[in-house]
Amino acid sequence: MDFNKVIELLKNSGYKLTNQRKIIIEALYHSDKPISMEEWLLLTKDKNPGINLSTIYRNIDVLEDLGLLEKIRPKDGSIKYTLNLMEHHSHFLICKRCGKAEAIECCLSKEFKKIIEDKEFDLIEHNLELYGYCKECHTELDKK
C-alpha cells in the first residue's frame, strides 16, 4: 500500500486529514525502521511545532483502529511503531545493530490453530519478531 492509499483509507473511514495528521503519518511512512514516540515527535516537530506527544497518541488510536499501525516491542522494553502497509498484520526481521525492521509475509497462526483449539485458548492477538543482523550490519561485523 502506498502513501496515497493510506490517506484514502483514512478519509474513507471518516477521519479528517489535518495537516498535523498528514505530517505524523508521513514521518512514519518515510522511516526506514520502527520508531519510538520520542523519535516520532522529533521527526514531526520540525514540520509543525504544534505537534506534541498527545497529538501523536491520538493518531496512534486512529491508525490502530484502521489496522495501519504495527507495534514492535524490542527486548529493551520500549515500544516502536511502523506502518502496516500490507493487507494483514506483519511479522518482522529486526536487526539488533541498526534497528532496521523488515516485514515478512508469514503468519504462523494457522499452523498453531490446532494447538490453540486443543488448549481451549482464546487467541486475541499475536506477533512474531525475529532478531539478528541485516546484510549491511553482518558485513560490517565480519570486517571487525
Protein backbone atom coordinates (compact mmCIF):
# COMPACT_ATOMS: atom_id res chain seq x y z
CA MET A 1 0.00 0.00 0.00
CA ASP A 2 1.42 3.38 -0.92
CA PHE A 3 1.02 6.67 0.94
CA ASN A 4 -1.97 7.79 -1.15
CA LYS A 5 -3.84 4.58 -0.31
CA VAL A 6 -3.17 5.17 3.40
CA ILE A 7 -4.68 8.65 3.05
CA GLU A 8 -7.60 7.29 1.03
CA LEU A 9 -8.33 4.65 3.69
CA LEU A 10 -8.23 7.33 6.36
CA LYS A 11 -10.70 9.55 4.51
CA ASN A 12 -13.00 6.66 3.51
CA SER A 13 -13.16 5.66 7.17
CA GLY A 14 -14.48 9.09 8.14
CA TYR A 15 -11.28 10.61 9.52
CA LYS A 16 -10.18 14.10 8.57
CA LEU A 17 -6.75 14.61 7.06
CA THR A 18 -5.47 17.50 9.12
CA ASN A 19 -2.06 18.98 8.45
CA GLN A 20 -0.79 17.51 11.74
CA ARG A 21 -2.16 14.05 10.93
CA LYS A 22 -0.56 14.12 7.49
CA ILE A 23 2.83 15.08 8.96
CA ILE A 24 2.57 12.36 11.62
CA ILE A 25 1.72 9.67 9.06
CA GLU A 26 4.40 10.89 6.62
CA ALA A 27 7.06 10.64 9.33
CA LEU A 28 6.18 7.01 9.98
CA TYR A 29 5.76 6.22 6.28
CA HIS A 30 9.21 7.56 5.36
CA SER A 31 11.06 5.98 8.27
CA ASP A 32 13.21 3.01 7.24
CA LYS A 33 12.91 1.44 10.69
CA PRO A 34 10.38 1.31 13.52
CA ILE A 35 10.49 4.47 15.63
CA SER A 36 9.83 5.30 19.27
CA MET A 37 7.43 8.01 20.39
CA GLU A 38 10.36 10.34 21.03
CA GLU A 39 11.81 9.73 17.56
CA TRP A 40 8.37 10.21 16.04
CA LEU A 41 7.96 13.52 17.84
CA LEU A 42 11.38 14.75 16.67
CA LEU A 43 10.56 13.81 13.06
CA THR A 44 7.33 15.84 13.18
CA LYS A 45 8.33 18.86 15.31
CA ASP A 46 10.44 20.44 12.55
CA LYS A 47 7.48 20.50 10.18
CA ASN A 48 4.90 21.58 12.75
CA PRO A 49 5.97 22.78 16.21
CA GLY A 50 2.35 22.42 17.40
CA ILE A 51 2.60 18.63 17.33
CA ASN A 52 3.12 17.13 20.77
CA LEU A 53 3.01 13.66 22.31
CA SER A 54 -0.72 13.78 22.95
CA THR A 55 -1.31 14.61 19.26
CA ILE A 56 0.71 11.55 18.28
CA TYR A 57 -1.09 9.35 20.83
CA ARG A 58 -4.49 10.39 19.42
CA ASN A 59 -3.29 9.47 15.95
CA ILE A 60 -1.97 6.15 17.20
CA ASP A 61 -5.55 5.30 18.19
CA VAL A 62 -6.78 6.21 14.70
CA LEU A 63 -4.06 4.24 12.92
CA GLU A 64 -4.64 1.22 15.17
CA ASP A 65 -8.39 1.35 14.50
CA LEU A 66 -7.65 1.20 10.77
CA GLY A 67 -5.14 -1.65 11.16
CA LEU A 68 -2.37 0.57 9.82
CA LEU A 69 -0.07 0.54 12.84
CA GLU A 70 2.28 -2.19 13.98
CA LYS A 71 3.83 -2.13 17.42
CA ILE A 72 7.21 -3.73 17.90
CA ARG A 73 8.46 -4.47 21.38
CA PRO A 74 12.25 -4.81 21.39
CA LYS A 75 13.90 -6.66 24.23
CA ASP A 76 14.74 -3.36 25.96
CA GLY A 77 11.06 -2.99 26.87
CA SER A 78 10.36 0.01 24.66
CA ILE A 79 7.62 0.21 22.06
CA LYS A 80 8.40 1.18 18.49
CA TYR A 81 5.96 1.84 15.68
CA THR A 82 5.81 1.20 11.97
CA LEU A 83 3.08 1.41 9.36
CA ASN A 84 1.44 -1.82 8.30
CA LEU A 85 1.22 -1.42 4.55
CA MET A 86 0.11 -4.99 3.89
CA GLU A 87 -3.43 -6.31 3.75
CA HIS A 88 -2.86 -8.14 7.05
CA HIS A 89 -0.66 -7.74 10.09
CA SER A 90 3.08 -8.23 9.70
CA HIS A 91 5.87 -10.05 11.44
CA PHE A 92 9.40 -8.68 11.39
CA LEU A 93 13.07 -9.45 10.93
CA ILE A 94 14.80 -6.91 13.19
CA CYS A 95 18.49 -6.01 13.04
CA LYS A 96 20.00 -5.86 16.52
CA ARG A 97 22.68 -3.43 15.36
CA CYS A 98 20.96 -0.75 13.27
CA GLY A 99 17.33 -1.38 14.27
CA LYS A 100 16.06 -1.78 10.71
CA ALA A 101 12.93 -3.93 10.61
CA GLU A 102 11.74 -5.77 7.55
CA ALA A 103 8.19 -7.02 7.38
CA ILE A 104 7.82 -10.65 6.36
CA GLU A 105 4.74 -12.19 4.85
CA CYS A 106 4.40 -15.19 7.06
CA CYS A 107 1.79 -15.89 9.67
CA LEU A 108 2.04 -18.97 11.82
CA SER A 109 -1.37 -18.62 13.46
CA LYS A 110 -2.81 -21.18 11.03
CA GLU A 111 -0.09 -23.66 11.97
CA PHE A 112 -0.85 -23.09 15.65
CA LYS A 113 -4.63 -23.27 15.19
CA LYS A 114 -4.96 -26.91 16.34
CA ILE A 115 -2.73 -26.36 19.38
CA ILE A 116 -4.73 -23.26 20.30
CA GLU A 117 -8.02 -25.11 19.92
CA ASP A 118 -6.78 -28.15 21.86
CA LYS A 119 -5.74 -25.90 24.74
CA GLU A 120 -9.13 -24.13 24.54
CA PHE A 121 -7.27 -20.85 24.36
CA ASP A 122 -8.97 -17.70 23.10
CA LEU A 123 -6.24 -16.07 20.99
CA ILE A 124 -6.78 -12.33 20.72
CA GLU A 125 -3.55 -11.22 19.08
CA HIS A 126 -0.01 -12.33 18.40
CA ASN A 127 3.24 -11.04 16.98
CA LEU A 128 6.49 -12.57 15.86
CA GLU A 129 9.80 -10.73 15.91
CA LEU A 130 12.98 -12.44 14.73
CA TYR A 131 16.25 -10.77 15.77
CA GLY A 132 19.59 -10.97 14.01
CA TYR A 133 21.74 -8.84 11.71
CA CYS A 134 20.81 -7.35 8.36
CA LYS A 135 23.13 -7.88 5.40
CA GLU A 136 24.86 -4.50 5.82
CA CYS A 137 25.49 -4.91 9.55
CA HIS A 138 26.57 -8.53 9.16
CA THR A 139 29.14 -7.41 6.57
CA GLU A 140 30.38 -4.67 8.95
CA LEU A 141 30.66 -7.15 11.83
CA ASP A 142 32.66 -9.53 9.64
CA LYS A 143 35.17 -6.75 8.93
CA LYS A 144 35.97 -6.32 12.62
